[in-house]
Every structure is written in structure tokens, then in C-alpha cells.
Amino acid sequence: MINKRLVHWLESNSILPDNFFGFRPGRSTIDAINQLTTDIHRASIDKEHLIAAFLDIESAYPNVHIPTLAKILSQMELPTHFTQYITRMFINPRVYHINDTGISCRNWYLGLPQGISLSPTLFNIYALHLISDIPHCECLSFADDIVRYSAHKELAIAVFRTQRALS
């Protein structure tokens, strides 16, 4: 329920950029691949070199810094009670494990937990501060997979632009 409301709010207010494809309604890996292959084809037709860097953020969800996420949520002008509720959910939460011998409880200390529907949406929000616009360099994101690329007639310029986007 919370995730559905958050996704609706994000999409209704156009918060996530068009180059974010992961875990969004009406978007898929196929859309991201189509965008990249179209740009590769266009560069080829224009006799340009296209240089791409493919990135995978290791342990993306556990490495989300919850206080930074809370700050991002509050800056997005979500209703205050909604932001506070989400933040409290992930600050010192408890994880319950049910098995044949009973119920055990432990604290969860790392970022966003895997396996809950809210984590991918919150990761997309968190990734907004990781992926900035760089002139003459494109970016496509699908969850924790990112490709940065640039095309130019001169190879050195395409390489420079892509490297600049990575620093």
C-alpha cells in the first residue's frame, strides 16, 4: 500500500527522470536497451565514436545511507507524516524470523532490506543524488545498473566526456 502510493506520487509529479527505467510502471530493461541501441545506431550513422561505461553498484540496497535518504525524501515535498513514517521504518528496524522452533528477532542495521516492495522505489529516489546531469554525456539507469556514454566524431573527446561523467 505504501509503495503504491509512493510510486503514484512519484509518477504523478514527474520526480524520477525519463532515464530511470528500473521498477517503474510501463518501463523495462527492453526500453533501456532500445534507448542505448538507438543512440549507438545514431552515432554510427553520424560517423561518431560512442564510448560507454557500464556500472553495477555493489550491494546497492544495504549501502543506502538512511539519513541521506530521509533528507532527500523531506526535500521532495512529500507529506511530512509520510516521510517520517518511511524513515522510522528503516532506522533500527527489527527483522523477525519464524521457523519450527518459534520466532527470533534481530535488528537490521544496513540500508534498505532486500525483498520488500518499497526498497526498489526508495533506491530509485536515493539514486537521484548519485546520478547527475553531465553535459554531452548520456545516462541510463535500471535499478543498480547504470550506463554512462558519450558520442563524438573525435574519439578522444568521447572518451574524455565519458570519463568526466564517472568522476
N, C-alpha and C. Protein backbone atom coordinates (compact mmCIF):
# COMPACT_ATOMS: atom_id res chain seq x y z
N MET A 1 0.83 -1.19 0.00
CA MET A 1 0.00 0.00 0.00
C MET A 1 0.88 1.26 0.00
N ILE A 2 1.88 1.31 0.88
CA ILE A 2 2.76 2.48 0.96
C ILE A 2 3.52 2.64 -0.35
N ASN A 3 4.04 1.53 -0.88
CA ASN A 3 4.80 1.61 -2.13
C ASN A 3 3.91 2.08 -3.28
N LYS A 4 2.69 1.58 -3.36
CA LYS A 4 1.79 2.01 -4.44
C LYS A 4 1.52 3.50 -4.36
N ARG A 5 1.30 4.01 -3.17
CA ARG A 5 1.07 5.45 -3.01
C ARG A 5 2.31 6.26 -3.38
N LEU A 6 3.47 5.78 -2.96
CA LEU A 6 4.71 6.49 -3.26
C LEU A 6 4.99 6.48 -4.76
N VAL A 7 4.84 5.34 -5.41
CA VAL A 7 5.05 5.25 -6.86
C VAL A 7 4.08 6.18 -7.58
N HIS A 8 2.82 6.17 -7.18
CA HIS A 8 1.82 7.06 -7.80
C HIS A 8 2.23 8.52 -7.65
N TRP A 9 2.67 8.90 -6.47
CA TRP A 9 3.08 10.29 -6.22
C TRP A 9 4.30 10.65 -7.07
N LEU A 10 5.29 9.74 -7.13
CA LEU A 10 6.50 10.00 -7.92
C LEU A 10 6.16 10.18 -9.40
N GLU A 11 5.32 9.29 -9.92
CA GLU A 11 4.98 9.35 -11.34
C GLU A 11 4.06 10.55 -11.64
N SER A 12 3.12 10.83 -10.77
CA SER A 12 2.20 11.97 -10.97
C SER A 12 2.93 13.30 -10.95
N ASN A 13 4.00 13.38 -10.18
CA ASN A 13 4.75 14.63 -10.05
C ASN A 13 6.04 14.64 -10.88
N SER A 14 6.21 13.64 -11.72
CA SER A 14 7.39 13.54 -12.61
C SER A 14 8.70 13.76 -11.85
N ILE A 15 8.84 13.08 -10.72
CA ILE A 15 10.04 13.23 -9.88
C ILE A 15 11.23 12.49 -10.47
N LEU A 16 11.01 11.27 -10.92
CA LEU A 16 12.12 10.48 -11.47
C LEU A 16 12.31 10.84 -12.95
N PRO A 17 13.56 11.01 -13.36
CA PRO A 17 13.81 11.37 -14.76
C PRO A 17 13.48 10.23 -15.72
N ASP A 18 13.34 10.57 -16.98
CA ASP A 18 12.98 9.57 -18.00
C ASP A 18 14.03 8.50 -18.19
N ASN A 19 15.27 8.77 -17.78
CA ASN A 19 16.34 7.78 -17.97
C ASN A 19 16.44 6.77 -16.83
N PHE A 20 15.50 6.81 -15.88
CA PHE A 20 15.40 5.80 -14.82
C PHE A 20 14.36 4.77 -15.28
N PHE A 21 14.80 3.55 -15.52
CA PHE A 21 13.90 2.53 -16.06
C PHE A 21 13.50 1.46 -15.05
N GLY A 22 14.25 1.27 -13.99
CA GLY A 22 14.02 0.17 -13.07
C GLY A 22 12.82 0.35 -12.16
N PHE A 23 12.00 -0.68 -12.09
CA PHE A 23 10.90 -0.77 -11.13
C PHE A 23 9.92 0.40 -11.27
N ARG A 24 9.63 0.76 -12.51
CA ARG A 24 8.68 1.83 -12.77
C ARG A 24 7.60 1.31 -13.70
N PRO A 25 6.37 1.76 -13.49
CA PRO A 25 5.29 1.28 -14.36
C PRO A 25 5.52 1.67 -15.82
N GLY A 26 5.32 0.72 -16.71
CA GLY A 26 5.44 0.99 -18.14
C GLY A 26 6.87 1.11 -18.65
N ARG A 27 7.85 0.74 -17.83
CA ARG A 27 9.25 0.80 -18.25
C ARG A 27 9.91 -0.55 -17.96
N SER A 28 10.87 -0.90 -18.81
CA SER A 28 11.51 -2.19 -18.63
C SER A 28 12.96 -2.13 -19.11
N THR A 29 13.66 -3.24 -18.94
CA THR A 29 15.03 -3.33 -19.44
C THR A 29 15.04 -3.17 -20.96
N ILE A 30 14.00 -3.66 -21.61
CA ILE A 30 13.91 -3.55 -23.07
C ILE A 30 13.92 -2.07 -23.48
N ASP A 31 13.21 -1.23 -22.74
CA ASP A 31 13.18 0.20 -23.05
C ASP A 31 14.57 0.82 -22.92
N ALA A 32 15.29 0.46 -21.86
CA ALA A 32 16.64 0.98 -21.66
C ALA A 32 17.58 0.50 -22.76
N ILE A 33 17.48 -0.78 -23.11
CA ILE A 33 18.32 -1.34 -24.18
C ILE A 33 17.99 -0.68 -25.51
N ASN A 34 16.70 -0.47 -25.78
CA ASN A 34 16.30 0.22 -27.02
C ASN A 34 16.91 1.61 -27.10
N GLN A 35 16.87 2.35 -25.99
CA GLN A 35 17.44 3.69 -25.98
C GLN A 35 18.93 3.65 -26.29
N LEU A 36 19.65 2.73 -25.64
CA LEU A 36 21.08 2.62 -25.86
C LEU A 36 21.39 2.20 -27.30
N THR A 37 20.71 1.19 -27.82
CA THR A 37 20.99 0.73 -29.18
C THR A 37 20.61 1.79 -30.21
N THR A 38 19.56 2.55 -29.96
CA THR A 38 19.20 3.65 -30.85
C THR A 38 20.31 4.70 -30.89
N ASP A 39 20.85 5.03 -29.71
CA ASP A 39 21.94 6.01 -29.66
C ASP A 39 23.21 5.48 -30.31
N ILE A 40 23.49 4.18 -30.16
CA ILE A 40 24.64 3.57 -30.83
C ILE A 40 24.45 3.65 -32.34
N HIS A 41 23.27 3.30 -32.80
CA HIS A 41 22.97 3.33 -34.24
C HIS A 41 23.09 4.76 -34.78
N ARG A 42 22.54 5.73 -34.04
CA ARG A 42 22.62 7.13 -34.46
C ARG A 42 24.08 7.59 -34.56
N ALA A 43 24.89 7.22 -33.57
CA ALA A 43 26.31 7.58 -33.60
C ALA A 43 27.00 6.95 -34.81
N SER A 44 26.66 5.72 -35.12
CA SER A 44 27.25 5.04 -36.27
C SER A 44 26.89 5.75 -37.57
N ILE A 45 25.63 6.11 -37.71
CA ILE A 45 25.18 6.84 -38.91
C ILE A 45 25.91 8.18 -39.03
N ASP A 46 26.11 8.86 -37.90
CA ASP A 46 26.78 10.16 -37.89
C ASP A 46 28.30 10.03 -37.92
N LYS A 47 28.80 8.79 -38.06
CA LYS A 47 30.24 8.52 -38.08
C LYS A 47 30.93 9.03 -36.81
N GLU A 48 30.29 8.75 -35.68
CA GLU A 48 30.84 9.15 -34.38
C GLU A 48 31.28 7.91 -33.61
N HIS A 49 32.21 8.12 -32.69
CA HIS A 49 32.63 7.09 -31.75
C HIS A 49 31.71 7.20 -30.54
N LEU A 50 31.19 6.09 -30.07
CA LEU A 50 30.39 6.10 -28.84
C LEU A 50 31.15 5.29 -27.80
N ILE A 51 31.46 5.94 -26.70
CA ILE A 51 32.19 5.30 -25.61
C ILE A 51 31.22 5.15 -24.43
N ALA A 52 31.14 3.94 -23.90
CA ALA A 52 30.21 3.67 -22.80
C ALA A 52 30.93 3.02 -21.63
N ALA A 53 30.47 3.33 -20.44
CA ALA A 53 30.95 2.69 -19.22
C ALA A 53 29.74 2.08 -18.53
N PHE A 54 29.80 0.79 -18.28
CA PHE A 54 28.71 0.08 -17.63
C PHE A 54 29.07 -0.14 -16.17
N LEU A 55 28.19 0.28 -15.29
CA LEU A 55 28.46 0.23 -13.85
C LEU A 55 27.41 -0.60 -13.14
N ASP A 56 27.84 -1.31 -12.14
CA ASP A 56 26.91 -2.04 -11.27
C ASP A 56 27.26 -1.63 -9.84
N ILE A 57 26.31 -1.06 -9.15
CA ILE A 57 26.55 -0.63 -7.78
C ILE A 57 26.50 -1.86 -6.88
N GLU A 58 27.63 -2.19 -6.28
CA GLU A 58 27.73 -3.38 -5.45
C GLU A 58 26.95 -3.19 -4.15
N SER A 59 26.18 -4.20 -3.77
CA SER A 59 25.39 -4.17 -2.54
C SER A 59 24.60 -2.87 -2.44
N ALA A 60 23.89 -2.56 -3.50
CA ALA A 60 23.20 -1.27 -3.60
C ALA A 60 22.24 -1.01 -2.45
N TYR A 61 21.35 -1.93 -2.17
CA TYR A 61 20.34 -1.67 -1.13
C TYR A 61 20.95 -1.55 0.26
N PRO A 62 21.82 -2.50 0.66
CA PRO A 62 22.40 -2.38 2.00
C PRO A 62 23.26 -1.14 2.19
N ASN A 63 23.77 -0.57 1.09
CA ASN A 63 24.64 0.60 1.21
C ASN A 63 23.90 1.93 1.14
N VAL A 64 22.59 1.90 1.09
CA VAL A 64 21.82 3.15 1.12
C VAL A 64 21.97 3.76 2.52
N HIS A 65 22.40 5.00 2.56
CA HIS A 65 22.56 5.72 3.83
C HIS A 65 21.20 6.30 4.20
N ILE A 66 20.56 5.72 5.19
CA ILE A 66 19.18 6.08 5.54
C ILE A 66 19.03 7.56 5.90
N PRO A 67 19.93 8.17 6.68
CA PRO A 67 19.78 9.62 6.95
C PRO A 67 19.81 10.47 5.67
N THR A 68 20.63 10.08 4.69
CA THR A 68 20.64 10.81 3.41
C THR A 68 19.32 10.59 2.68
N LEU A 69 18.82 9.37 2.68
CA LEU A 69 17.53 9.08 2.05
C LEU A 69 16.43 9.92 2.71
N ALA A 70 16.45 10.00 4.04
CA ALA A 70 15.45 10.78 4.76
C ALA A 70 15.51 12.25 4.35
N LYS A 71 16.71 12.76 4.18
CA LYS A 71 16.89 14.16 3.75
C LYS A 71 16.33 14.37 2.34
N ILE A 72 16.62 13.43 1.45
CA ILE A 72 16.10 13.51 0.08
C ILE A 72 14.58 13.49 0.08
N LEU A 73 14.00 12.58 0.87
CA LEU A 73 12.53 12.49 0.95
C LEU A 73 11.92 13.79 1.46
N SER A 74 12.54 14.38 2.47
CA SER A 74 11.98 15.63 3.02
C SER A 74 12.11 16.78 2.03
N GLN A 75 13.14 16.77 1.20
CA GLN A 75 13.32 17.83 0.19
C GLN A 75 12.36 17.67 -0.98
N MET A 76 11.77 16.50 -1.13
CA MET A 76 10.87 16.24 -2.25
C MET A 76 9.46 16.78 -2.02
N GLU A 77 9.21 17.33 -0.86
CA GLU A 77 7.91 17.89 -0.51
C GLU A 77 6.80 16.83 -0.44
N LEU A 78 7.21 15.62 -0.05
CA LEU A 78 6.21 14.61 0.31
C LEU A 78 5.53 15.07 1.58
N PRO A 79 4.33 14.63 1.85
CA PRO A 79 3.73 14.98 3.14
C PRO A 79 4.65 14.55 4.29
N THR A 80 4.82 15.39 5.28
CA THR A 80 5.76 15.16 6.37
C THR A 80 5.51 13.83 7.07
N HIS A 81 4.25 13.52 7.36
CA HIS A 81 3.95 12.27 8.07
C HIS A 81 4.37 11.05 7.24
N PHE A 82 4.28 11.15 5.93
CA PHE A 82 4.66 10.06 5.05
C PHE A 82 6.18 9.85 5.10
N THR A 83 6.92 10.94 5.01
CA THR A 83 8.39 10.89 5.08
C THR A 83 8.84 10.33 6.42
N GLN A 84 8.24 10.81 7.50
CA GLN A 84 8.62 10.33 8.83
C GLN A 84 8.31 8.85 9.00
N TYR A 85 7.19 8.41 8.48
CA TYR A 85 6.80 7.01 8.59
C TYR A 85 7.82 6.11 7.87
N ILE A 86 8.18 6.49 6.64
CA ILE A 86 9.14 5.70 5.86
C ILE A 86 10.50 5.69 6.56
N THR A 87 10.93 6.85 7.04
CA THR A 87 12.23 6.95 7.70
C THR A 87 12.27 6.07 8.96
N ARG A 88 11.23 6.16 9.78
CA ARG A 88 11.18 5.36 11.01
C ARG A 88 11.19 3.86 10.71
N MET A 89 10.66 3.52 9.56
CA MET A 89 10.60 2.12 9.16
C MET A 89 12.00 1.50 9.02
N PHE A 90 12.97 2.35 8.65
CA PHE A 90 14.30 1.83 8.35
C PHE A 90 15.38 2.25 9.34
N ILE A 91 15.05 3.02 10.34
CA ILE A 91 16.03 3.36 11.37
C ILE A 91 15.84 2.38 12.52
N ASN A 92 16.84 1.53 12.73
CA ASN A 92 16.83 0.47 13.74
C ASN A 92 15.60 -0.43 13.66
N PRO A 93 15.27 -0.90 12.45
CA PRO A 93 14.11 -1.81 12.37
C PRO A 93 14.47 -3.20 12.89
N ARG A 94 13.46 -3.95 13.20
CA ARG A 94 13.65 -5.32 13.65
C ARG A 94 13.17 -6.27 12.56
N VAL A 95 13.92 -7.34 12.39
CA VAL A 95 13.57 -8.37 11.42
C VAL A 95 13.18 -9.61 12.21
N TYR A 96 12.00 -10.14 11.90
CA TYR A 96 11.51 -11.32 12.60
C TYR A 96 11.64 -12.53 11.69
N HIS A 97 12.16 -13.62 12.25
CA HIS A 97 12.32 -14.86 11.52
C HIS A 97 11.49 -15.92 12.21
N ILE A 98 10.56 -16.50 11.46
CA ILE A 98 9.68 -17.54 12.02
C ILE A 98 10.12 -18.89 11.46
N ASN A 99 10.34 -19.84 12.38
CA ASN A 99 10.70 -21.19 11.96
C ASN A 99 10.00 -22.19 12.87
N ASP A 100 10.38 -23.47 12.77
CA ASP A 100 9.72 -24.52 13.54
C ASP A 100 9.89 -24.37 15.05
N THR A 101 10.97 -23.72 15.46
CA THR A 101 11.23 -23.60 16.90
C THR A 101 10.65 -22.32 17.50
N GLY A 102 10.10 -21.46 16.67
CA GLY A 102 9.50 -20.23 17.19
C GLY A 102 9.88 -19.01 16.38
N ILE A 103 9.87 -17.89 17.04
CA ILE A 103 10.15 -16.61 16.39
C ILE A 103 11.43 -16.03 16.98
N SER A 104 12.34 -15.61 16.11
CA SER A 104 13.53 -14.91 16.58
C SER A 104 13.51 -13.50 16.01
N CYS A 105 14.13 -12.61 16.72
CA CYS A 105 14.14 -11.20 16.32
C CYS A 105 15.57 -10.68 16.34
N ARG A 106 15.91 -9.88 15.32
CA ARG A 106 17.22 -9.22 15.31
C ARG A 106 17.06 -7.84 14.70
N ASN A 107 17.98 -6.96 14.99
CA ASN A 107 17.95 -5.62 14.42
C ASN A 107 18.57 -5.63 13.03
N TRP A 108 18.03 -4.79 12.16
CA TRP A 108 18.56 -4.62 10.81
C TRP A 108 19.28 -3.29 10.78
N TYR A 109 20.56 -3.30 10.49
CA TYR A 109 21.35 -2.08 10.56
C TYR A 109 21.79 -1.52 9.22
N LEU A 110 21.64 -2.28 8.18
CA LEU A 110 22.18 -1.86 6.89
C LEU A 110 21.09 -1.38 5.94
N GLY A 111 21.14 -0.15 5.54
CA GLY A 111 20.35 0.41 4.46
C GLY A 111 18.96 -0.14 4.28
N LEU A 112 18.65 -0.47 3.05
CA LEU A 112 17.33 -1.00 2.69
C LEU A 112 17.38 -2.52 2.60
N PRO A 113 16.43 -3.19 3.19
CA PRO A 113 16.43 -4.65 3.12
C PRO A 113 16.01 -5.15 1.74
N GLN A 114 16.57 -6.26 1.32
CA GLN A 114 16.15 -6.92 0.08
C GLN A 114 14.79 -7.55 0.30
N GLY A 115 14.02 -7.67 -0.76
CA GLY A 115 12.80 -8.46 -0.70
C GLY A 115 11.54 -7.75 -0.26
N ILE A 116 11.59 -6.45 0.01
CA ILE A 116 10.35 -5.76 0.31
C ILE A 116 10.06 -4.80 -0.85
N SER A 117 8.79 -4.62 -1.17
CA SER A 117 8.41 -3.87 -2.37
C SER A 117 8.82 -2.41 -2.33
N LEU A 118 9.01 -1.86 -1.17
CA LEU A 118 9.37 -0.45 -1.04
C LEU A 118 10.83 -0.17 -1.35
N SER A 119 11.70 -1.15 -1.18
CA SER A 119 13.14 -0.94 -1.37
C SER A 119 13.53 -0.47 -2.77
N PRO A 120 13.04 -1.09 -3.86
CA PRO A 120 13.43 -0.60 -5.19
C PRO A 120 12.99 0.85 -5.44
N THR A 121 11.81 1.20 -4.98
CA THR A 121 11.32 2.57 -5.16
C THR A 121 12.18 3.55 -4.39
N LEU A 122 12.49 3.21 -3.14
CA LEU A 122 13.34 4.09 -2.34
C LEU A 122 14.75 4.16 -2.91
N PHE A 123 15.24 3.07 -3.47
CA PHE A 123 16.57 3.11 -4.10
C PHE A 123 16.56 4.05 -5.29
N ASN A 124 15.51 4.03 -6.10
CA ASN A 124 15.42 4.97 -7.22
C ASN A 124 15.48 6.41 -6.73
N ILE A 125 14.80 6.71 -5.64
CA ILE A 125 14.83 8.06 -5.08
C ILE A 125 16.24 8.39 -4.60
N TYR A 126 16.85 7.45 -3.92
CA TYR A 126 18.22 7.65 -3.41
C TYR A 126 19.20 7.87 -4.56
N ALA A 127 19.01 7.14 -5.65
CA ALA A 127 19.92 7.24 -6.80
C ALA A 127 19.85 8.60 -7.48
N LEU A 128 18.80 9.35 -7.22
CA LEU A 128 18.71 10.70 -7.80
C LEU A 128 19.93 11.54 -7.45
N HIS A 129 20.45 11.38 -6.23
CA HIS A 129 21.60 12.19 -5.84
C HIS A 129 22.93 11.58 -6.31
N LEU A 130 22.88 10.34 -6.79
CA LEU A 130 24.10 9.70 -7.29
C LEU A 130 24.34 9.99 -8.77
N ILE A 131 23.28 10.24 -9.50
CA ILE A 131 23.38 10.39 -10.95
C ILE A 131 23.03 11.83 -11.32
N SER A 132 24.05 12.58 -11.65
CA SER A 132 23.83 13.98 -12.02
C SER A 132 23.91 14.14 -13.53
N ASP A 133 23.32 15.22 -14.01
CA ASP A 133 23.39 15.53 -15.43
C ASP A 133 24.78 16.05 -15.77
N ILE A 134 25.37 15.49 -16.78
CA ILE A 134 26.68 15.91 -17.27
C ILE A 134 26.48 16.32 -18.74
N PRO A 135 26.88 17.53 -19.11
CA PRO A 135 26.70 17.95 -20.50
C PRO A 135 27.38 16.99 -21.47
N HIS A 136 26.69 16.67 -22.56
CA HIS A 136 27.20 15.83 -23.65
C HIS A 136 27.47 14.39 -23.22
N CYS A 137 26.88 13.95 -22.13
CA CYS A 137 27.06 12.57 -21.69
C CYS A 137 25.70 12.03 -21.24
N GLU A 138 25.32 10.92 -21.83
CA GLU A 138 24.03 10.31 -21.52
C GLU A 138 24.16 9.35 -20.34
N CYS A 139 23.03 9.09 -19.71
CA CYS A 139 22.99 8.17 -18.58
C CYS A 139 21.69 7.40 -18.64
N LEU A 140 21.76 6.09 -18.49
CA LEU A 140 20.58 5.25 -18.36
C LEU A 140 20.73 4.45 -17.08
N SER A 141 19.65 4.31 -16.35
CA SER A 141 19.69 3.60 -15.07
C SER A 141 18.58 2.56 -15.00
N PHE A 142 18.94 1.36 -14.61
CA PHE A 142 17.96 0.32 -14.30
C PHE A 142 18.35 -0.25 -12.95
N ALA A 143 17.66 0.23 -11.92
CA ALA A 143 17.97 -0.16 -10.54
C ALA A 143 19.43 0.17 -10.23
N ASP A 144 20.24 -0.84 -9.92
CA ASP A 144 21.64 -0.57 -9.55
C ASP A 144 22.60 -0.72 -10.73
N ASP A 145 22.06 -0.82 -11.94
CA ASP A 145 22.89 -0.89 -13.15
C ASP A 145 22.78 0.43 -13.90
N ILE A 146 23.94 0.99 -14.23
CA ILE A 146 23.98 2.31 -14.85
C ILE A 146 24.92 2.25 -16.04
N VAL A 147 24.55 2.93 -17.11
CA VAL A 147 25.47 3.09 -18.23
C VAL A 147 25.60 4.59 -18.50
N ARG A 148 26.86 5.05 -18.60
CA ARG A 148 27.18 6.43 -18.96
C ARG A 148 27.87 6.37 -20.31
N TYR A 149 27.45 7.22 -21.25
CA TYR A 149 28.07 7.17 -22.56
C TYR A 149 28.02 8.53 -23.26
N SER A 150 28.96 8.67 -24.20
CA SER A 150 29.06 9.90 -24.97
C SER A 150 29.51 9.55 -26.37
N ALA A 151 29.04 10.33 -27.34
CA ALA A 151 29.43 10.12 -28.73
C ALA A 151 30.01 11.41 -29.29
N HIS A 152 31.03 11.25 -30.10
CA HIS A 152 31.65 12.41 -30.77
C HIS A 152 32.46 11.90 -31.94
N LYS A 153 32.66 12.76 -32.93
CA LYS A 153 33.46 12.38 -34.10
C LYS A 153 34.91 12.11 -33.72
N GLU A 154 35.39 12.82 -32.70
CA GLU A 154 36.76 12.59 -32.23
C GLU A 154 36.72 11.64 -31.03
N LEU A 155 37.44 10.54 -31.16
CA LEU A 155 37.47 9.51 -30.12
C LEU A 155 37.91 10.09 -28.77
N ALA A 156 38.94 10.92 -28.76
CA ALA A 156 39.47 11.47 -27.51
C ALA A 156 38.41 12.28 -26.76
N ILE A 157 37.58 13.00 -27.50
CA ILE A 157 36.54 13.81 -26.86
C ILE A 157 35.46 12.90 -26.27
N ALA A 158 35.07 11.86 -26.99
CA ALA A 158 34.06 10.92 -26.46
C ALA A 158 34.58 10.24 -25.20
N VAL A 159 35.85 9.85 -25.21
CA VAL A 159 36.47 9.23 -24.04
C VAL A 159 36.50 10.21 -22.88
N PHE A 160 36.94 11.43 -23.14
CA PHE A 160 37.02 12.45 -22.08
C PHE A 160 35.66 12.71 -21.45
N ARG A 161 34.63 12.87 -22.26
CA ARG A 161 33.29 13.14 -21.73
C ARG A 161 32.79 11.99 -20.86
N THR A 162 33.03 10.77 -21.31
CA THR A 162 32.58 9.62 -20.52
C THR A 162 33.37 9.52 -19.21
N GLN A 163 34.67 9.72 -19.29
CA GLN A 163 35.49 9.69 -18.05
C GLN A 163 35.07 10.78 -17.09
N ARG A 164 34.78 11.98 -17.60
CA ARG A 164 34.35 13.08 -16.76
C ARG A 164 33.04 12.72 -16.03
N ALA A 165 32.17 12.02 -16.70
CA ALA A 165 30.89 11.62 -16.09
C ALA A 165 31.09 10.62 -14.96
N LEU A 166 32.21 9.93 -14.97
CA LEU A 166 32.47 8.91 -13.95
C LEU A 166 33.17 9.47 -12.72
N SER A 167 33.68 10.69 -12.82
CA SER A 167 34.43 11.23 -11.69
C SER A 167 33.58 12.13 -10.82
